[in-house]
Amino acid sequence: MDPWVWWLVATGVLVVAEILTTSLFFILIAGGTAAAALVAALGGNPALQVTVFALVSLALVVGVRPIAQRHLRTPTKIRTGVAALVGAEAEVLAPVTGKDGRVKLSGEIWSARAYDGESEYEVGSLVRVVEISGATALVA
């Protein structure tokens, strides 16, 4: 059997191992075996095949794996949209009561109400957004 076939078999085994472990290691080594298979198919000698395998595998493991793992550790609940405004500070533009008011929040003017329904906030005071209800910021 030709050497490139053995390298491809090794690639397949490593891909299956990656699927079973999801370690982001075996798939990168499989990249090295695939590169070695290409060198073998182009007629490279065995020493060149092993050298290409080692260099490509090392480059992938050292260069790609840390970046990939960092992306996998990104928090699953990244707040976006109006959910990202909860906890933000806002400036009162029109008196905020339990029924009405206006605040400047993230550079935009929002309608606002006091979160507890009773508090009142004067123009110029700073408040914190507790919740977003529709297009109204509930502040405290």
Protein backbone atom coordinates (compact mmCIF):
# COMPACT_ATOMS: atom_id res chain seq x y z
CA MET A 1 0.00 0.00 0.00
CA ASP A 2 1.28 3.51 -0.80
CA PRO A 3 2.51 5.66 2.12
CA TRP A 4 -0.03 8.40 1.45
CA VAL A 5 -2.84 5.89 2.09
CA TRP A 6 -1.39 5.09 5.53
CA TRP A 7 -1.23 8.79 6.34
CA LEU A 8 -4.89 9.17 5.31
CA VAL A 9 -5.88 6.18 7.44
CA ALA A 10 -4.09 7.80 10.36
CA THR A 11 -5.97 11.04 9.61
CA GLY A 12 -9.28 9.20 9.71
CA VAL A 13 -8.44 7.51 13.01
CA LEU A 14 -7.47 10.85 14.54
CA VAL A 15 -10.66 12.49 13.31
CA VAL A 16 -12.71 9.72 14.93
CA ALA A 17 -10.70 10.13 18.14
CA GLU A 18 -11.45 13.87 18.10
CA ILE A 19 -15.14 13.23 17.62
CA LEU A 20 -15.12 10.92 20.63
CA THR A 21 -13.06 13.18 22.91
CA THR A 22 -13.70 16.75 21.63
CA SER A 23 -10.30 17.73 23.02
CA LEU A 24 -9.22 19.94 20.10
CA PHE A 25 -5.98 18.00 20.01
CA PHE A 26 -6.48 14.98 17.77
CA ILE A 27 -7.99 17.05 14.97
CA LEU A 28 -4.90 19.26 14.90
CA ILE A 29 -2.60 16.24 14.74
CA ALA A 30 -4.86 14.99 11.93
CA GLY A 31 -3.97 18.18 10.08
CA GLY A 32 -0.33 17.12 10.30
CA THR A 33 -1.09 13.62 8.99
CA ALA A 34 -3.09 15.09 6.12
CA ALA A 35 -0.16 17.34 5.20
CA ALA A 36 2.17 14.33 5.34
CA ALA A 37 -0.24 12.41 3.08
CA LEU A 38 -0.05 15.24 0.56
CA VAL A 39 3.76 15.18 0.65
CA ALA A 40 3.72 11.38 0.21
CA ALA A 41 1.30 11.64 -2.72
CA LEU A 42 3.61 14.17 -4.37
CA GLY A 43 6.50 11.73 -4.04
CA GLY A 44 8.29 13.08 -0.97
CA ASN A 45 10.66 10.71 0.80
CA PRO A 46 9.71 9.24 4.23
CA ALA A 47 12.01 11.63 6.14
CA LEU A 48 10.31 14.63 4.51
CA GLN A 49 6.88 13.16 5.26
CA VAL A 50 7.69 12.75 8.96
CA THR A 51 9.23 16.23 9.10
CA VAL A 52 6.15 17.82 7.52
CA PHE A 53 3.90 15.84 9.86
CA ALA A 54 5.84 17.02 12.92
CA LEU A 55 6.09 20.66 11.88
CA VAL A 56 2.47 21.06 10.78
CA SER A 57 1.16 19.24 13.87
CA LEU A 58 3.32 21.33 16.18
CA ALA A 59 2.31 24.57 14.47
CA LEU A 60 -1.38 23.70 14.72
CA VAL A 61 -1.23 22.59 18.35
CA VAL A 62 0.85 25.58 19.46
CA GLY A 63 -0.77 28.19 17.22
CA VAL A 64 -4.40 27.20 16.77
CA ARG A 65 -5.36 25.26 19.90
CA PRO A 66 -4.99 28.14 22.41
CA ILE A 67 -7.09 30.42 20.23
CA ALA A 68 -9.77 27.77 19.74
CA GLN A 69 -9.93 26.99 23.44
CA ARG A 70 -10.22 30.68 24.29
CA HIS A 71 -13.24 30.90 21.98
CA LEU A 72 -14.80 27.84 23.58
CA ARG A 73 -14.53 29.43 27.02
CA THR A 74 -16.52 32.50 25.95
CA PRO A 75 -19.48 32.83 28.33
CA THR A 76 -22.62 31.26 26.93
CA LYS A 77 -24.84 34.03 28.23
CA ILE A 78 -23.38 37.14 26.68
CA ARG A 79 -25.92 39.89 27.15
CA THR A 80 -26.90 41.69 23.98
CA GLY A 81 -29.65 44.05 22.95
CA VAL A 82 -31.77 45.53 25.73
CA ALA A 83 -30.58 42.87 28.18
CA ALA A 84 -27.15 44.51 28.04
CA LEU A 85 -28.69 47.73 29.37
CA VAL A 86 -29.77 46.18 32.66
CA GLY A 87 -27.44 47.46 35.34
CA ALA A 88 -26.37 50.48 33.28
CA GLU A 89 -26.39 54.00 34.67
CA ALA A 90 -28.79 56.54 33.18
CA GLU A 91 -29.26 60.30 33.58
CA VAL A 92 -32.73 61.60 34.33
CA LEU A 93 -33.89 64.09 31.66
CA ALA A 94 -37.52 64.50 32.80
CA PRO A 95 -38.71 63.71 36.34
CA VAL A 96 -39.13 59.96 36.79
CA THR A 97 -42.08 58.76 38.84
CA GLY A 98 -43.90 55.48 39.16
CA LYS A 99 -45.86 56.35 36.02
CA ASP A 100 -43.63 58.34 33.67
CA GLY A 101 -40.28 59.95 32.99
CA ARG A 102 -37.36 60.19 30.58
CA VAL A 103 -33.74 59.09 30.93
CA LYS A 104 -30.66 59.19 28.75
CA LEU A 105 -29.38 55.64 28.53
CA SER A 106 -26.39 54.62 26.38
CA GLY A 107 -26.72 57.83 24.36
CA GLU A 108 -30.43 57.34 23.67
CA ILE A 109 -33.51 58.83 25.27
CA TRP A 110 -35.76 56.24 26.90
CA SER A 111 -39.09 56.44 28.62
CA ALA A 112 -38.67 55.43 32.23
CA ARG A 113 -40.57 54.57 35.40
CA ALA A 114 -39.51 54.05 38.97
CA TYR A 115 -38.99 50.33 39.56
CA ASP A 116 -40.83 50.30 42.89
CA GLY A 117 -43.67 52.46 41.51
CA GLU A 118 -43.34 55.02 44.31
CA SER A 119 -39.91 56.64 44.13
CA GLU A 120 -39.32 59.91 42.30
CA TYR A 121 -36.08 61.04 40.67
CA GLU A 122 -35.33 64.65 39.75
CA VAL A 123 -33.78 65.96 36.52
CA GLY A 124 -30.01 65.50 36.47
CA SER A 125 -29.88 62.65 38.98
CA LEU A 126 -28.27 59.35 38.07
CA VAL A 127 -30.26 56.15 38.27
CA ARG A 128 -29.52 52.50 37.58
CA VAL A 129 -31.59 50.41 35.15
CA VAL A 130 -33.12 47.46 36.97
CA GLU A 131 -35.23 46.08 34.14
CA ILE A 132 -36.37 46.85 30.60
CA SER A 133 -40.09 46.43 30.08
CA GLY A 134 -40.98 46.87 26.42
CA ALA A 135 -39.52 50.26 25.51
CA THR A 136 -39.46 51.53 29.10
CA ALA A 137 -36.53 51.41 31.46
CA LEU A 138 -37.46 50.60 35.05
CA VAL A 139 -34.96 52.45 37.22
CA ALA A 140 -33.92 52.76 40.84
